[in-house]
N, C-alpha and C. Protein backbone atom coordinates (compact mmCIF):
# COMPACT_ATOMS: atom_id res chain seq x y z
N MET A 1 24.06 33.69 20.48
CA MET A 1 24.64 32.63 19.63
C MET A 1 24.66 31.35 20.10
N LEU A 2 24.96 31.26 21.55
CA LEU A 2 24.90 29.88 22.29
C LEU A 2 23.61 29.24 22.11
N ARG A 3 22.63 30.32 22.35
CA ARG A 3 21.12 29.67 22.41
C ARG A 3 20.84 29.17 21.01
N VAL A 4 21.16 29.86 19.89
CA VAL A 4 20.95 29.49 18.63
C VAL A 4 21.56 28.28 18.30
N ASN A 5 22.81 28.06 18.63
CA ASN A 5 23.45 26.66 18.48
C ASN A 5 22.84 25.59 19.30
N LEU A 6 22.39 25.77 20.46
CA LEU A 6 21.57 24.82 21.07
C LEU A 6 20.33 24.50 20.58
N VAL A 7 19.66 25.47 20.07
CA VAL A 7 18.28 25.10 19.33
C VAL A 7 18.66 24.10 18.09
N ARG A 8 19.62 24.45 17.52
CA ARG A 8 20.00 23.72 16.29
C ARG A 8 20.34 22.27 16.53
N LYS A 9 21.08 21.99 17.80
CA LYS A 9 21.53 20.74 18.22
C LYS A 9 20.16 20.00 18.56
N VAL A 10 19.28 20.66 19.22
CA VAL A 10 18.03 19.96 19.56
C VAL A 10 17.32 19.70 18.56
N ILE A 11 16.99 20.46 17.54
CA ILE A 11 16.29 20.30 16.24
C ILE A 11 17.08 19.03 15.44
N LYS A 12 18.32 19.12 15.49
CA LYS A 12 18.99 17.94 14.67
C LYS A 12 18.88 16.64 15.43
N ARG A 13 18.78 16.73 16.86
CA ARG A 13 18.60 15.57 17.55
C ARG A 13 17.34 14.92 17.37
N LEU A 14 16.26 15.83 17.52
CA LEU A 14 14.91 15.41 17.20
C LEU A 14 14.59 14.70 15.78
N HIS A 15 15.35 15.27 14.98
CA HIS A 15 15.07 14.85 13.48
C HIS A 15 15.74 13.33 13.42
N ARG A 16 16.89 13.06 14.18
CA ARG A 16 17.46 11.77 14.16
C ARG A 16 16.47 10.89 14.90
N LEU A 17 15.76 11.25 15.91
CA LEU A 17 15.00 10.45 16.80
C LEU A 17 13.82 10.08 15.73
N ALA A 18 13.22 10.99 15.02
CA ALA A 18 12.27 10.83 14.22
C ALA A 18 12.36 9.97 13.15
N THR A 19 13.59 9.90 12.66
CA THR A 19 13.88 9.03 11.44
C THR A 19 14.66 7.96 11.88
N PHE A 20 14.83 7.56 13.19
CA PHE A 20 15.45 6.30 13.69
C PHE A 20 14.58 4.99 13.38
N GLU A 21 15.10 4.04 12.88
CA GLU A 21 14.39 2.84 12.60
C GLU A 21 15.00 1.72 13.49
N PRO A 22 13.78 1.16 14.03
CA PRO A 22 14.17 -0.28 14.87
C PRO A 22 14.99 -1.30 14.03
N PRO A 23 15.61 -1.90 14.58
CA PRO A 23 16.06 -3.09 13.78
C PRO A 23 15.32 -3.96 12.92
N LEU A 24 15.81 -4.27 11.70
CA LEU A 24 15.17 -5.11 10.72
C LEU A 24 15.70 -6.37 10.37
N ASP A 25 14.85 -7.47 10.42
CA ASP A 25 15.47 -8.86 10.21
C ASP A 25 15.69 -9.02 8.71
N GLY A 26 16.76 -10.03 8.65
CA GLY A 26 17.39 -10.23 7.58
C GLY A 26 16.44 -10.57 6.32
N VAL A 27 15.34 -11.29 6.49
CA VAL A 27 14.45 -11.52 5.40
C VAL A 27 13.76 -10.15 4.71
N HIS A 28 13.33 -9.41 5.75
CA HIS A 28 12.72 -7.99 5.28
C HIS A 28 13.76 -7.07 4.52
N LYS A 29 15.15 -7.33 4.87
CA LYS A 29 16.11 -6.43 4.17
C LYS A 29 16.34 -7.24 2.86
N GLN A 30 16.01 -8.43 2.69
CA GLN A 30 16.01 -9.09 1.26
C GLN A 30 14.76 -8.41 0.49
N TRP A 31 13.79 -8.32 1.08
CA TRP A 31 12.64 -7.93 0.24
C TRP A 31 12.84 -6.48 -0.05
N ARG A 32 13.51 -5.64 0.82
CA ARG A 32 13.80 -4.34 0.54
C ARG A 32 14.58 -3.98 -0.71
N LYS A 33 15.61 -5.03 -0.73
CA LYS A 33 16.41 -5.10 -1.85
C LYS A 33 15.77 -5.30 -3.25
N PHE A 34 14.87 -6.14 -3.24
CA PHE A 34 13.95 -6.69 -4.28
C PHE A 34 13.16 -5.40 -4.45
N TYR A 35 12.54 -4.78 -3.72
CA TYR A 35 11.65 -3.78 -4.12
C TYR A 35 12.34 -2.29 -4.59
N ARG A 36 13.69 -2.28 -4.10
CA ARG A 36 14.41 -1.07 -4.50
C ARG A 36 14.68 -1.35 -6.10
N ASP A 37 14.73 -2.68 -6.43
CA ASP A 37 14.98 -2.98 -7.99
C ASP A 37 13.66 -3.40 -8.60
N ARG A 38 12.59 -2.83 -8.17
CA ARG A 38 11.21 -3.26 -8.73
C ARG A 38 11.16 -3.25 -10.15
N HIS A 39 11.62 -2.18 -10.79
CA HIS A 39 11.41 -1.79 -12.10
C HIS A 39 11.92 -3.10 -12.94
N ILE A 40 13.21 -3.45 -12.58
CA ILE A 40 13.80 -4.74 -13.37
C ILE A 40 12.87 -5.77 -12.99
N HIS A 41 12.53 -6.30 -11.82
CA HIS A 41 11.75 -7.40 -11.38
C HIS A 41 10.33 -7.40 -11.94
N TYR A 42 9.87 -6.33 -12.08
CA TYR A 42 8.35 -6.24 -12.35
C TYR A 42 8.09 -6.33 -13.76
N ALA A 43 9.31 -5.63 -14.70
CA ALA A 43 9.17 -6.08 -15.92
C ALA A 43 9.41 -7.50 -16.34
N ASP A 44 10.37 -8.19 -15.67
CA ASP A 44 10.45 -9.57 -15.83
C ASP A 44 9.05 -10.41 -15.48
N ILE A 45 8.50 -9.97 -14.34
CA ILE A 45 7.44 -10.85 -13.87
C ILE A 45 6.24 -10.73 -15.07
N LEU A 46 5.98 -9.36 -15.34
CA LEU A 46 4.98 -9.24 -16.44
C LEU A 46 5.10 -9.78 -17.61
N ALA A 47 6.31 -9.93 -17.97
CA ALA A 47 6.93 -10.63 -19.31
C ALA A 47 6.54 -12.02 -19.11
N GLU A 48 6.80 -12.61 -17.98
CA GLU A 48 6.56 -13.96 -17.64
C GLU A 48 5.02 -14.31 -17.58
N LEU A 49 4.40 -13.35 -16.90
CA LEU A 49 2.81 -13.77 -16.81
C LEU A 49 2.06 -13.40 -18.19
N GLY A 50 2.77 -12.67 -18.98
CA GLY A 50 2.00 -12.43 -20.25
C GLY A 50 1.74 -10.84 -20.22
N GLU A 51 2.11 -10.09 -21.21
CA GLU A 51 1.96 -8.63 -21.21
C GLU A 51 0.51 -8.38 -21.36
N HIS A 52 0.00 -8.03 -20.28
CA HIS A 52 -1.51 -7.57 -20.11
C HIS A 52 -1.77 -6.33 -20.68
N ASP A 53 -2.45 -5.97 -21.71
CA ASP A 53 -2.62 -4.47 -22.22
C ASP A 53 -3.63 -3.80 -21.28
N ASP A 54 -3.40 -3.65 -20.01
CA ASP A 54 -4.46 -2.89 -19.23
C ASP A 54 -3.80 -1.93 -18.29
N ALA A 55 -4.62 -1.16 -17.82
CA ALA A 55 -3.87 0.09 -16.97
C ALA A 55 -3.30 -0.57 -15.66
N TYR A 56 -3.85 -1.53 -14.95
CA TYR A 56 -3.30 -2.02 -13.81
C TYR A 56 -1.87 -2.53 -14.14
N SER A 57 -1.59 -3.23 -15.18
CA SER A 57 -0.27 -4.03 -15.41
C SER A 57 0.83 -2.76 -15.92
N ALA A 58 0.23 -1.79 -16.53
CA ALA A 58 0.89 -0.70 -17.02
C ALA A 58 1.48 0.24 -15.76
N TRP A 59 0.56 0.33 -14.72
CA TRP A 59 0.90 1.14 -13.60
C TRP A 59 1.96 0.38 -12.89
N TYR A 60 1.97 -0.89 -12.57
CA TYR A 60 2.88 -1.67 -11.77
C TYR A 60 4.14 -1.71 -12.67
N ARG A 61 4.00 -1.84 -14.00
CA ARG A 61 5.41 -2.13 -14.90
C ARG A 61 6.24 -0.60 -14.64
N ALA A 62 5.52 0.36 -14.44
CA ALA A 62 6.11 1.61 -14.16
C ALA A 62 6.57 1.86 -12.85
N GLY A 63 6.48 1.01 -11.93
CA GLY A 63 6.95 1.16 -10.60
C GLY A 63 5.93 1.20 -9.53
N GLY A 64 4.47 1.11 -9.78
CA GLY A 64 3.51 1.24 -8.92
C GLY A 64 3.57 2.67 -8.21
N TYR A 65 3.11 2.38 -6.95
CA TYR A 65 3.03 3.81 -6.08
C TYR A 65 4.22 4.19 -5.63
N GLY A 66 5.29 3.55 -5.69
CA GLY A 66 6.73 3.95 -5.32
C GLY A 66 6.71 4.22 -4.02
N TYR A 67 6.22 3.63 -3.10
CA TYR A 67 6.43 3.79 -1.59
C TYR A 67 7.85 3.39 -1.34
N ASP A 68 8.37 4.27 -0.31
CA ASP A 68 9.62 3.89 0.35
C ASP A 68 9.31 3.02 1.43
N PRO A 69 10.08 1.75 1.47
CA PRO A 69 10.03 0.97 2.32
C PRO A 69 10.26 1.08 3.80
N LYS A 70 11.49 1.80 3.97
CA LYS A 70 11.83 2.44 5.30
C LYS A 70 10.64 3.41 5.91
N GLU A 71 10.51 4.30 4.94
CA GLU A 71 9.52 5.40 5.49
C GLU A 71 8.02 4.84 5.74
N SER A 72 7.65 3.90 4.99
CA SER A 72 6.50 3.22 5.42
C SER A 72 6.59 2.57 6.62
N ARG A 73 7.48 1.58 6.84
CA ARG A 73 7.68 0.98 8.00
C ARG A 73 7.60 1.91 9.15
N LEU A 74 8.47 3.02 9.16
CA LEU A 74 8.46 4.03 10.26
C LEU A 74 7.04 4.59 10.45
N TRP A 75 6.32 4.68 9.31
CA TRP A 75 4.90 5.16 9.68
C TRP A 75 4.03 4.12 10.31
N LEU A 76 4.14 2.94 10.05
CA LEU A 76 3.42 1.83 10.66
C LEU A 76 3.84 1.85 12.19
N ILE A 77 5.10 1.97 12.44
CA ILE A 77 5.68 1.93 13.92
C ILE A 77 5.27 3.23 14.58
N LYS A 78 5.38 4.31 14.16
CA LYS A 78 5.36 5.55 14.79
C LYS A 78 3.84 6.29 14.80
N GLU A 79 3.15 5.90 13.75
CA GLU A 79 1.85 6.57 13.75
C GLU A 79 0.61 5.63 13.83
N THR A 80 0.93 4.22 14.12
CA THR A 80 -0.12 3.47 14.25
C THR A 80 0.22 2.48 15.41
N SER A 81 -0.83 1.81 15.86
CA SER A 81 -0.40 0.75 17.05
C SER A 81 -0.36 -0.93 16.54
N LEU A 82 -0.36 -0.92 15.12
CA LEU A 82 -0.32 -2.16 14.67
C LEU A 82 0.90 -3.02 15.19
N PRO A 83 2.15 -2.58 15.33
CA PRO A 83 3.23 -3.39 15.62
C PRO A 83 3.11 -3.99 17.11
N ASP A 84 1.99 -3.56 17.93
CA ASP A 84 1.91 -3.82 19.23
C ASP A 84 0.88 -5.20 19.25
N PHE A 85 0.37 -5.54 18.10
CA PHE A 85 -0.53 -6.65 17.95
C PHE A 85 0.06 -7.91 17.16
N ARG A 86 -0.59 -9.05 17.40
CA ARG A 86 -0.02 -10.17 16.62
C ARG A 86 -1.26 -11.01 16.31
N GLY A 87 -0.98 -11.94 15.27
CA GLY A 87 -2.08 -12.84 14.84
C GLY A 87 -2.33 -12.62 13.41
N THR A 88 -3.62 -12.59 12.96
CA THR A 88 -3.76 -12.58 11.34
C THR A 88 -4.26 -11.18 11.24
N CYS A 89 -3.96 -10.63 9.89
CA CYS A 89 -4.49 -9.44 9.53
C CYS A 89 -4.87 -9.55 7.96
N LEU A 90 -6.07 -8.83 7.73
CA LEU A 90 -6.71 -8.75 6.30
C LEU A 90 -6.24 -7.38 5.66
N ASP A 91 -5.47 -7.62 4.64
CA ASP A 91 -5.06 -6.34 3.98
C ASP A 91 -5.97 -6.20 2.93
N ILE A 92 -6.82 -5.33 2.80
CA ILE A 92 -7.68 -4.88 2.06
C ILE A 92 -7.23 -4.07 0.90
N GLY A 93 -7.19 -4.52 -0.53
CA GLY A 93 -6.87 -3.77 -1.77
C GLY A 93 -5.25 -3.90 -1.70
N SER A 94 -4.81 -5.43 -1.57
CA SER A 94 -3.32 -5.61 -1.48
C SER A 94 -2.53 -5.23 -2.61
N GLY A 95 -3.18 -5.11 -3.74
CA GLY A 95 -2.38 -4.70 -5.03
C GLY A 95 -1.22 -5.78 -5.13
N ASP A 96 0.01 -5.32 -5.39
CA ASP A 96 1.28 -6.05 -5.54
C ASP A 96 1.77 -6.62 -4.20
N GLY A 97 1.08 -6.09 -3.13
CA GLY A 97 1.49 -6.87 -1.87
C GLY A 97 2.45 -5.98 -0.98
N PHE A 98 2.58 -4.74 -1.46
CA PHE A 98 3.62 -4.10 -0.59
C PHE A 98 3.32 -3.88 0.77
N TRP A 99 2.14 -3.52 1.18
CA TRP A 99 1.94 -3.41 2.60
C TRP A 99 1.68 -4.71 3.28
N SER A 100 1.27 -5.86 2.59
CA SER A 100 1.37 -7.26 3.06
C SER A 100 2.68 -7.51 3.56
N TRP A 101 3.75 -7.35 2.74
CA TRP A 101 5.21 -7.58 3.06
C TRP A 101 5.52 -6.82 4.36
N LEU A 102 5.32 -5.53 4.36
CA LEU A 102 5.34 -4.83 5.71
C LEU A 102 4.80 -5.47 6.94
N LEU A 103 3.50 -5.61 6.81
CA LEU A 103 2.69 -6.15 7.80
C LEU A 103 3.10 -7.62 8.38
N CYS A 104 3.76 -8.45 7.51
CA CYS A 104 4.04 -9.77 8.01
C CYS A 104 5.10 -9.89 8.89
N GLU A 105 5.74 -8.75 9.14
CA GLU A 105 6.77 -8.65 10.22
C GLU A 105 6.13 -8.90 11.63
N TRP A 106 4.78 -8.60 11.64
CA TRP A 106 3.97 -8.90 13.02
C TRP A 106 2.78 -9.81 12.73
N PHE A 107 2.42 -9.90 11.59
CA PHE A 107 1.03 -10.70 11.43
C PHE A 107 1.18 -11.90 10.30
N HIS A 108 0.32 -12.76 10.40
CA HIS A 108 0.10 -13.74 9.01
C HIS A 108 -0.92 -12.76 8.35
N VAL A 109 -0.54 -12.49 7.10
CA VAL A 109 -1.28 -11.49 6.26
C VAL A 109 -1.99 -12.11 5.25
N TYR A 110 -3.28 -11.60 5.13
CA TYR A 110 -4.06 -12.42 3.98
C TYR A 110 -4.31 -11.01 2.93
N GLY A 111 -3.90 -11.00 1.82
CA GLY A 111 -4.08 -9.87 1.00
C GLY A 111 -5.26 -10.17 0.01
N ILE A 112 -6.26 -9.32 -0.05
CA ILE A 112 -7.47 -9.40 -0.80
C ILE A 112 -7.50 -8.26 -1.88
N ASP A 113 -7.74 -8.51 -3.09
CA ASP A 113 -7.81 -7.43 -4.10
C ASP A 113 -8.96 -7.84 -5.10
N PRO A 114 -9.69 -7.05 -5.49
CA PRO A 114 -10.76 -7.40 -6.55
C PRO A 114 -10.32 -7.62 -8.02
N VAL A 115 -9.15 -7.17 -8.20
CA VAL A 115 -8.48 -7.14 -9.58
C VAL A 115 -7.55 -8.44 -9.65
N GLU A 116 -7.91 -9.40 -10.67
CA GLU A 116 -7.15 -10.56 -10.57
C GLU A 116 -5.77 -10.44 -10.91
N GLY A 117 -5.45 -9.12 -11.75
CA GLY A 117 -4.13 -8.99 -12.05
C GLY A 117 -3.07 -8.62 -11.04
N GLY A 118 -3.79 -8.00 -9.96
CA GLY A 118 -3.19 -7.48 -8.81
C GLY A 118 -2.58 -8.95 -7.89
N VAL A 119 -3.52 -9.80 -7.81
CA VAL A 119 -3.21 -10.96 -7.08
C VAL A 119 -2.10 -11.82 -7.74
N GLU A 120 -2.42 -12.01 -9.08
CA GLU A 120 -1.39 -12.74 -9.99
C GLU A 120 -0.12 -12.10 -9.93
N LEU A 121 0.11 -10.75 -9.78
CA LEU A 121 1.44 -10.04 -9.54
C LEU A 121 1.87 -10.29 -8.20
N ALA A 122 1.06 -10.27 -7.29
CA ALA A 122 1.53 -10.37 -5.86
C ALA A 122 2.13 -11.80 -5.54
N ASN A 123 1.49 -12.65 -6.25
CA ASN A 123 1.93 -14.18 -6.17
C ASN A 123 3.23 -14.47 -6.82
N ALA A 124 3.39 -13.72 -7.82
CA ALA A 124 4.61 -13.80 -8.78
C ALA A 124 5.89 -13.23 -7.83
N VAL A 125 5.61 -12.20 -7.20
CA VAL A 125 6.48 -11.48 -6.43
C VAL A 125 6.84 -12.38 -5.25
N LYS A 126 5.89 -13.15 -4.66
CA LYS A 126 5.91 -13.95 -3.55
C LYS A 126 6.83 -15.05 -3.53
N LYS A 127 6.79 -15.56 -4.98
CA LYS A 127 7.64 -16.84 -5.48
C LYS A 127 9.16 -16.31 -5.35
N ARG A 128 9.40 -15.08 -5.47
CA ARG A 128 11.00 -14.56 -5.57
C ARG A 128 11.38 -13.88 -4.06
N LEU A 129 10.65 -14.11 -3.13
CA LEU A 129 10.96 -13.71 -1.88
C LEU A 129 11.38 -14.93 -1.07
N PRO A 130 12.15 -14.65 0.06
CA PRO A 130 12.44 -15.65 1.00
C PRO A 130 11.21 -16.37 1.55
N LEU A 131 11.33 -17.92 1.95
CA LEU A 131 10.45 -18.76 2.27
C LEU A 131 9.92 -18.23 3.66
N ALA A 132 10.55 -17.65 4.49
CA ALA A 132 10.16 -17.01 5.84
C ALA A 132 8.95 -16.02 5.57
N MET A 133 9.23 -15.32 4.57
CA MET A 133 8.26 -14.40 4.25
C MET A 133 7.02 -15.00 3.35
N GLN A 134 7.20 -15.83 2.30
CA GLN A 134 6.29 -16.54 1.78
C GLN A 134 5.34 -17.27 2.61
N HIS A 135 5.62 -17.83 3.80
CA HIS A 135 4.85 -18.68 4.66
C HIS A 135 3.94 -17.72 5.42
N ARG A 136 4.13 -16.40 5.52
CA ARG A 136 3.54 -15.51 6.15
C ARG A 136 2.30 -14.56 5.44
N VAL A 137 2.31 -14.91 4.19
CA VAL A 137 1.43 -13.95 3.31
C VAL A 137 0.66 -14.86 2.43
N ASP A 138 -0.75 -14.50 2.32
CA ASP A 138 -1.37 -15.39 1.29
C ASP A 138 -2.45 -14.23 0.53
N PHE A 139 -2.37 -14.45 -0.79
CA PHE A 139 -3.30 -13.57 -1.61
C PHE A 139 -4.36 -14.07 -2.10
N MET A 140 -5.48 -13.35 -2.23
CA MET A 140 -6.79 -13.88 -2.80
C MET A 140 -7.46 -12.94 -3.56
N VAL A 141 -8.22 -13.32 -4.69
CA VAL A 141 -9.13 -12.36 -5.37
C VAL A 141 -10.44 -12.35 -4.82
N GLY A 142 -11.09 -11.12 -4.41
CA GLY A 142 -12.21 -11.24 -3.98
C GLY A 142 -12.69 -9.71 -3.54
N ASP A 143 -13.86 -9.79 -3.06
CA ASP A 143 -14.60 -8.38 -2.56
C ASP A 143 -14.52 -8.43 -0.87
N ALA A 144 -13.90 -7.58 -0.32
CA ALA A 144 -13.51 -7.40 0.91
C ALA A 144 -14.99 -7.49 1.80
N LEU A 145 -15.81 -6.88 1.20
CA LEU A 145 -17.30 -6.80 1.77
C LEU A 145 -18.02 -8.07 1.85
N GLU A 146 -17.41 -8.96 1.01
CA GLU A 146 -18.13 -10.48 1.16
C GLU A 146 -17.21 -11.32 2.17
N VAL A 147 -16.19 -10.84 2.62
CA VAL A 147 -15.29 -11.86 3.57
C VAL A 147 -16.10 -12.25 4.80
N THR A 148 -16.13 -13.60 5.13
CA THR A 148 -16.89 -14.02 6.25
C THR A 148 -15.97 -14.51 7.24
N GLU A 149 -14.76 -14.69 6.95
CA GLU A 149 -13.72 -15.14 7.98
C GLU A 149 -13.31 -13.92 8.90
N GLN A 150 -12.86 -14.15 10.11
CA GLN A 150 -12.56 -13.39 11.22
C GLN A 150 -11.12 -13.18 11.27
N TYR A 151 -10.59 -11.95 11.26
CA TYR A 151 -9.09 -11.59 11.36
C TYR A 151 -8.95 -10.97 12.66
N ASP A 152 -7.54 -10.75 13.21
CA ASP A 152 -7.30 -10.02 14.39
C ASP A 152 -7.33 -8.61 14.05
N VAL A 153 -6.82 -8.28 12.81
CA VAL A 153 -6.73 -6.82 12.38
C VAL A 153 -7.08 -6.77 10.92
N VAL A 154 -7.68 -5.78 10.76
CA VAL A 154 -8.06 -5.26 9.26
C VAL A 154 -7.21 -4.11 8.92
N PHE A 155 -6.47 -4.17 7.86
CA PHE A 155 -5.82 -2.88 7.43
C PHE A 155 -6.32 -2.47 6.15
N CYS A 156 -6.50 -1.38 6.05
CA CYS A 156 -7.13 -0.88 4.70
C CYS A 156 -6.67 0.46 4.38
N ARG A 157 -5.65 0.52 3.57
CA ARG A 157 -5.08 1.86 3.15
C ARG A 157 -5.25 2.12 1.53
N ALA A 158 -4.99 0.93 0.51
CA ALA A 158 -5.06 1.17 -0.87
C ALA A 158 -6.47 1.62 -1.17
N PRO A 159 -7.77 1.17 -0.85
CA PRO A 159 -8.91 1.63 -1.33
C PRO A 159 -9.41 2.98 -0.54
N SER A 160 -8.39 3.37 0.32
CA SER A 160 -9.16 4.62 1.06
C SER A 160 -8.68 5.98 0.31
N PHE A 161 -8.01 5.71 -0.96
CA PHE A 161 -7.64 6.83 -1.61
C PHE A 161 -6.29 7.58 -0.85
N PHE A 162 -5.70 7.06 -0.17
CA PHE A 162 -4.62 7.71 0.46
C PHE A 162 -3.19 6.80 0.01
N ASN A 163 -3.12 6.41 -1.30
CA ASN A 163 -1.97 5.89 -1.95
C ASN A 163 -1.14 7.03 -2.33
N TYR A 164 -0.60 7.59 -1.52
CA TYR A 164 0.51 8.74 -1.67
C TYR A 164 1.74 8.88 -0.82
N PRO A 165 2.65 9.38 -1.18
CA PRO A 165 3.77 9.31 -0.27
C PRO A 165 3.43 9.46 1.19
N ILE A 166 4.10 8.67 2.13
CA ILE A 166 3.63 8.83 3.67
C ILE A 166 4.06 10.15 4.02
N PHE A 167 3.21 10.69 4.90
CA PHE A 167 3.38 11.99 5.58
C PHE A 167 3.22 13.15 4.72
N LYS A 168 2.81 12.97 3.52
CA LYS A 168 2.47 14.06 2.46
C LYS A 168 1.31 14.77 2.82
N PRO A 169 1.12 16.14 3.02
CA PRO A 169 -0.22 16.72 3.20
C PRO A 169 -1.06 16.35 2.40
N PHE A 170 -2.52 16.14 2.62
CA PHE A 170 -3.73 15.78 1.88
C PHE A 170 -4.19 16.89 1.15
N ASP A 171 -4.27 16.60 -0.17
CA ASP A 171 -4.93 17.59 -1.14
C ASP A 171 -5.96 16.89 -2.10
N LEU A 172 -7.17 17.77 -1.93
CA LEU A 172 -8.41 17.14 -2.39
C LEU A 172 -8.21 16.76 -4.03
N THR A 173 -7.26 17.48 -4.62
CA THR A 173 -6.96 17.10 -6.05
C THR A 173 -6.31 15.83 -6.24
N MET A 174 -5.89 15.11 -5.24
CA MET A 174 -5.31 13.88 -5.35
C MET A 174 -6.35 12.80 -5.76
N LEU A 175 -7.60 13.19 -5.34
CA LEU A 175 -8.64 12.25 -5.46
C LEU A 175 -9.01 12.11 -6.84
N ASP A 176 -8.72 13.23 -7.68
CA ASP A 176 -9.16 13.23 -9.18
C ASP A 176 -8.27 12.09 -9.87
N VAL A 177 -6.81 12.37 -9.38
CA VAL A 177 -5.93 11.30 -10.13
C VAL A 177 -6.32 9.84 -9.84
N ASP A 178 -6.81 9.50 -8.56
CA ASP A 178 -7.14 8.17 -8.36
C ASP A 178 -8.37 7.91 -9.12
N ARG A 179 -9.37 8.75 -9.15
CA ARG A 179 -10.60 8.51 -9.79
C ARG A 179 -10.46 7.96 -11.23
N ALA A 180 -9.38 8.73 -11.92
CA ALA A 180 -9.18 8.50 -13.38
C ALA A 180 -8.55 7.25 -13.47
N ARG A 181 -7.56 6.84 -12.49
CA ARG A 181 -6.89 5.63 -12.69
C ARG A 181 -7.93 4.48 -12.53
N LEU A 182 -8.81 4.46 -11.53
CA LEU A 182 -9.80 3.67 -11.08
C LEU A 182 -10.66 3.26 -12.35
N GLY A 183 -11.20 4.40 -13.12
CA GLY A 183 -11.98 4.25 -14.28
C GLY A 183 -11.27 3.56 -15.39
N GLU A 184 -9.92 3.71 -15.52
CA GLU A 184 -9.12 2.92 -16.58
C GLU A 184 -9.23 1.55 -16.20
N VAL A 185 -9.14 1.18 -14.96
CA VAL A 185 -8.93 -0.14 -14.46
C VAL A 185 -10.33 -0.90 -14.62
N PHE A 186 -11.42 -0.16 -14.35
CA PHE A 186 -12.64 -0.75 -14.47
C PHE A 186 -13.16 -0.85 -15.93
N ARG A 187 -12.95 -0.07 -16.82
CA ARG A 187 -13.11 -0.19 -18.33
C ARG A 187 -12.35 -1.24 -18.83
N GLN A 188 -11.23 -1.53 -18.31
CA GLN A 188 -10.38 -2.51 -18.92
C GLN A 188 -10.93 -3.93 -18.46
N ASN A 189 -11.34 -4.15 -17.27
CA ASN A 189 -11.98 -5.33 -16.62
C ASN A 189 -13.34 -5.68 -17.13
N ASP A 190 -14.05 -4.71 -17.14
CA ASP A 190 -15.44 -5.02 -17.42
C ASP A 190 -16.26 -3.50 -17.88
N PRO A 191 -16.16 -3.14 -19.16
CA PRO A 191 -16.76 -2.00 -19.71
C PRO A 191 -18.19 -1.83 -19.33
N SER A 192 -18.99 -3.02 -19.28
CA SER A 192 -20.36 -2.82 -18.98
C SER A 192 -20.75 -2.23 -17.67
N THR A 193 -19.74 -2.65 -16.64
CA THR A 193 -20.09 -2.07 -15.14
C THR A 193 -19.07 -1.09 -14.71
N ALA A 194 -18.51 -0.54 -15.73
CA ALA A 194 -17.40 0.48 -15.35
C ALA A 194 -18.20 1.73 -14.68
N GLU A 195 -19.18 2.33 -15.48
CA GLU A 195 -19.73 3.48 -14.97
C GLU A 195 -20.58 3.41 -13.59
N ALA A 196 -21.19 2.22 -13.43
CA ALA A 196 -21.84 1.99 -12.18
C ALA A 196 -20.76 1.93 -11.11
N LYS A 197 -19.75 1.29 -11.25
CA LYS A 197 -18.61 1.16 -10.16
C LYS A 197 -17.93 2.44 -9.94
N LEU A 198 -18.00 3.48 -11.09
CA LEU A 198 -17.42 4.75 -10.99
C LEU A 198 -18.40 5.62 -10.14
N GLY A 199 -19.65 5.35 -10.32
CA GLY A 199 -20.92 6.12 -9.52
C GLY A 199 -20.72 5.59 -8.12
N SER A 200 -20.44 4.52 -7.56
CA SER A 200 -20.05 4.17 -6.31
C SER A 200 -18.85 4.90 -5.70
N VAL A 201 -17.78 4.88 -6.52
CA VAL A 201 -16.54 5.68 -6.24
C VAL A 201 -16.92 7.25 -6.10
N ASP A 202 -17.80 7.76 -6.82
CA ASP A 202 -18.20 9.17 -6.81
C ASP A 202 -18.90 9.34 -5.26
N ASN A 203 -19.77 8.33 -5.02
CA ASN A 203 -20.54 8.57 -3.71
C ASN A 203 -19.56 8.62 -2.63
N TYR A 204 -18.56 7.66 -2.58
CA TYR A 204 -17.55 7.54 -1.69
C TYR A 204 -16.78 8.82 -1.70
N LEU A 205 -16.34 9.17 -2.72
CA LEU A 205 -15.40 10.66 -2.85
C LEU A 205 -16.19 11.86 -2.21
N ALA A 206 -17.29 11.89 -2.64
CA ALA A 206 -18.38 13.05 -1.86
C ALA A 206 -18.35 13.02 -0.44
N ALA A 207 -18.52 11.80 0.08
CA ALA A 207 -18.50 11.73 1.71
C ALA A 207 -17.11 12.05 2.10
N MET A 208 -16.22 11.50 1.46
CA MET A 208 -14.77 11.74 1.93
C MET A 208 -14.24 13.41 1.91
N ILE A 209 -14.90 13.92 0.80
CA ILE A 209 -14.66 15.39 0.69
C ILE A 209 -15.22 16.24 1.72
N ALA A 210 -16.57 15.85 1.95
CA ALA A 210 -17.32 16.52 2.99
C ALA A 210 -16.58 16.29 4.42
N ALA A 211 -16.11 15.03 4.59
CA ALA A 211 -15.52 14.68 5.89
C ALA A 211 -14.36 15.59 6.01
N THR A 212 -13.56 15.74 4.97
CA THR A 212 -12.26 16.54 4.85
C THR A 212 -12.47 18.02 5.21
N ARG A 213 -13.55 18.56 4.48
CA ARG A 213 -13.84 19.96 4.75
C ARG A 213 -14.20 20.17 6.09
N PHE A 214 -15.02 19.15 6.68
CA PHE A 214 -15.49 19.44 8.14
C PHE A 214 -14.37 19.38 9.02
N LYS A 215 -13.36 18.44 8.73
CA LYS A 215 -12.13 18.58 9.63
C LYS A 215 -11.19 19.78 9.45
N LEU A 216 -11.17 20.43 8.10
CA LEU A 216 -10.48 21.49 7.91
C LEU A 216 -11.16 22.63 8.67
N ALA A 217 -12.28 22.76 8.66
CA ALA A 217 -13.00 23.71 9.14
C ALA A 217 -12.92 23.86 10.59
N ALA A 218 -12.77 22.50 11.36
CA ALA A 218 -12.96 22.35 12.68
C ALA A 218 -11.68 23.27 13.49
């Protein structure tokens, strides 16, 4: 019985260590509060920008990917070496700016997204955040493959098809959901090029599935 209790105490202690979060500065605390109430803020922002009848706007009006700010910050701290670096960071596929706001704790972040609505939304969010954060993040519309400027760090999570709850086990069926979502966005933006873009996505998915199967079989 004593051994069982000791094991339980050890497990409980390890869990506390795994979920312990380093101190957070005041401006990022304000951003967390903003993000916690994003359903209200995004509805107001989209109404201010004009109700765009497209999949992208509808997605963020419903709350977007719904990442947990604390869990996501812990993932950056515990699972990556990013907090050890400083300088400039290019956030590819920045969307509404969620990861850009997290990363600006350590970097001056430049978020790039091919969808104009995403950058429009991110800039509207930016205006509502503390000046200390506004000065550390910039957003632009563009193709990351055409970027010529140099950055100290390149962060790429959104277009890597891993826009899922942090630490959630990967499942190939997740890719079908993202493919369908991308198809909607492509057709809304430019129906004439949608199928060609989806073809490129399919090639990417095929390579990713092959790599995943290789990893699972290893």
